C-alpha atoms as a PDB file:
ATOM      1  CA  MET A   1     124.354  37.433 102.576  1.00  0.00           C
ATOM      2  CA  ASP A   2     122.138  39.997 100.657  1.00  0.00           C
ATOM      3  CA  ALA A   3     123.726  42.887  98.763  1.00  0.00           C
ATOM      4  CA  GLN A   4     122.754  45.552 101.353  1.00  0.00           C
ATOM      5  CA  ARG A   5     124.318  43.650 104.224  1.00  0.00           C
ATOM      6  CA  GLN A   6     127.450  42.999 102.266  1.00  0.00           C
ATOM      7  CA  ARG A   7     127.831  46.754 101.492  1.00  0.00           C
ATOM      8  CA  GLU A   8     127.402  47.481 105.194  1.00  0.00           C
ATOM      9  CA  VAL A   9     130.096  44.914 106.260  1.00  0.00           C
ATOM     10  CA  SER A  10     132.461  46.211 103.540  1.00  0.00           C
ATOM     11  CA  SER A  11     132.027  49.827 104.677  1.00  0.00           C
ATOM     12  CA  ILE A  12     132.781  48.911 108.288  1.00  0.00           C
ATOM     13  CA  GLY A  13     135.918  47.186 107.052  1.00  0.00           C
ATOM     14  CA  GLY A  14     136.974  50.187 105.105  1.00  0.00           C
ATOM     15  CA  HIS A  15     136.486  52.554 107.969  1.00  0.00           C
ATOM     16  CA  THR A  16     138.427  50.255 110.317  1.00  0.00           C
ATOM     17  CA  ALA A  17     141.302  49.931 107.855  1.00  0.00           C
ATOM     18  CA  HIS A  18     141.706  53.650 107.373  1.00  0.00           C
ATOM     19  CA  ALA A  19     141.313  54.256 111.200  1.00  0.00           C
ATOM     20  CA  GLY A  20     144.101  51.725 111.834  1.00  0.00           C
ATOM     21  CA  GLY A  21     146.444  53.108 109.095  1.00  0.00           C
ATOM     22  CA  ARG A  22     146.332  49.954 107.097  1.00  0.00           C
ATOM     23  CA  ALA A  23     144.548  51.538 104.065  1.00  0.00           C
ATOM     24  CA  HIS A  24     146.076  53.492 101.182  1.00  0.00           C
ATOM     25  CA  ARG A  25     144.753  56.602  99.545  1.00  0.00           C
ATOM     26  CA  PHE A  26     146.092  57.498  96.250  1.00  0.00           C
ATOM     27  CA  THR A  27     147.421  61.099  95.794  1.00  0.00           C
ATOM     28  CA  PRO A  28     146.435  62.771  92.596  1.00  0.00           C
ATOM     29  CA  GLU A  29     149.855  62.159  91.183  1.00  0.00           C
ATOM     30  CA  GLU A  30     149.755  58.388  92.094  1.00  0.00           C
ATOM     31  CA  ALA A  31     146.310  58.132  90.447  1.00  0.00           C
ATOM     32  CA  ARG A  32     147.553  59.792  87.260  1.00  0.00           C
ATOM     33  CA  ILE A  33     150.600  57.300  87.073  1.00  0.00           C
ATOM     34  CA  ALA A  34     148.230  54.308  87.640  1.00  0.00           C
ATOM     35  CA  GLY A  35     145.739  55.553  84.943  1.00  0.00           C
ATOM     36  CA  ARG A  36     148.599  56.040  82.476  1.00  0.00           C
ATOM     37  CA  LYS A  37     149.924  52.551  83.104  1.00  0.00           C
ATOM     38  CA  GLY A  38     146.396  51.100  82.604  1.00  0.00           C
ATOM     39  CA  GLY A  39     145.849  52.957  79.387  1.00  0.00           C
ATOM     40  CA  THR A  40     149.218  51.900  78.039  1.00  0.00           C
ATOM     41  CA  ALA A  41     148.500  48.229  78.804  1.00  0.00           C
ATOM     42  CA  VAL A  42     145.038  48.344  77.147  1.00  0.00           C
ATOM     43  CA  SER A  43     146.254  50.228  74.062  1.00  0.00           C
ATOM     44  CA  ARG A  44     148.899  47.504  73.328  1.00  0.00           C
ATOM     45  CA  ASP A  45     146.049  45.224  72.278  1.00  0.00           C
ATOM     46  CA  ARG A  46     145.485  46.643  68.741  1.00  0.00           C
ATOM     47  CA  GLU A  47     142.581  44.301  68.109  1.00  0.00           C
ATOM     48  CA  HIS A  48     140.659  45.442  71.240  1.00  0.00           C
ATOM     49  CA  MET A  49     141.394  49.120  70.442  1.00  0.00           C
ATOM     50  CA  ALA A  50     140.201  48.615  66.889  1.00  0.00           C
ATOM     51  CA  ALA A  51     136.916  47.092  68.182  1.00  0.00           C
ATOM     52  CA  ILE A  52     136.415  50.153  70.485  1.00  0.00           C
ATOM     53  CA  GLY A  53     136.905  52.454  67.471  1.00  0.00           C
ATOM     54  CA  ARG A  54     134.424  50.464  65.377  1.00  0.00           C
ATOM     55  CA  ARG A  55     131.828  50.907  68.025  1.00  0.00           C
ATOM     56  CA  GLY A  56     132.456  54.735  68.123  1.00  0.00           C
ATOM     57  CA  GLY A  57     130.866  55.326  71.470  1.00  0.00           C
ATOM     58  CA  ARG A  58     127.502  53.929  70.490  1.00  0.00           C
ATOM     59  CA  SER A  59     127.051  51.477  73.372  1.00  0.00           C
ATOM     60  CA  PRO A  60     123.388  50.989  74.187  1.00  0.00           C
ATOM     61  CA  LEU A  61     124.320  51.404  77.715  1.00  0.00           C
ATOM     62  CA  ASN A  62     125.229  55.016  77.024  1.00  0.00           C
ATOM     63  CA  ARG A  63     121.863  55.812  75.655  1.00  0.00           C
ATOM     64  CA  LYS A  64     119.276  57.460  77.739  1.00  0.00           C
ATOM     65  CA  ALA A  65     115.699  56.644  77.349  1.00  0.00           C
ATOM     66  CA  GLY A  66     113.853  59.275  75.476  1.00  0.00           C
ATOM     67  CA  SER A  67     117.052  60.888  73.871  1.00  0.00           C
ATOM     68  CA  PRO A  68     116.602  61.782  70.242  1.00  0.00           C
ATOM     69  CA  LYS A  69     119.163  59.392  68.995  1.00  0.00           C
ATOM     70  CA  ALA A  70     117.997  56.408  71.099  1.00  0.00           C
ATOM     71  CA  GLY A  71     117.226  53.400  68.996  1.00  0.00           C
ATOM     72  CA  THR A  72     118.346  54.994  65.711  1.00  0.00           C
ATOM     73  CA  GLU A  73     121.212  52.516  65.248  1.00  0.00           C
END
């Protein structure tokens, strides 16, 4: 199945689940709690956090073509 058709089928499934009351929507408070839990779990791995710090936000994926700093690393 191609990607476009898969998105269409998934969208139909999502709409159906919400219409039938079988889907869950996070409240802002639930989302904050979930985010806090995820952040806590990730930060326990000191090696992973150190690697993030060493990169310093310089991922090539964050660079926009034509930006003044692009390719200066």
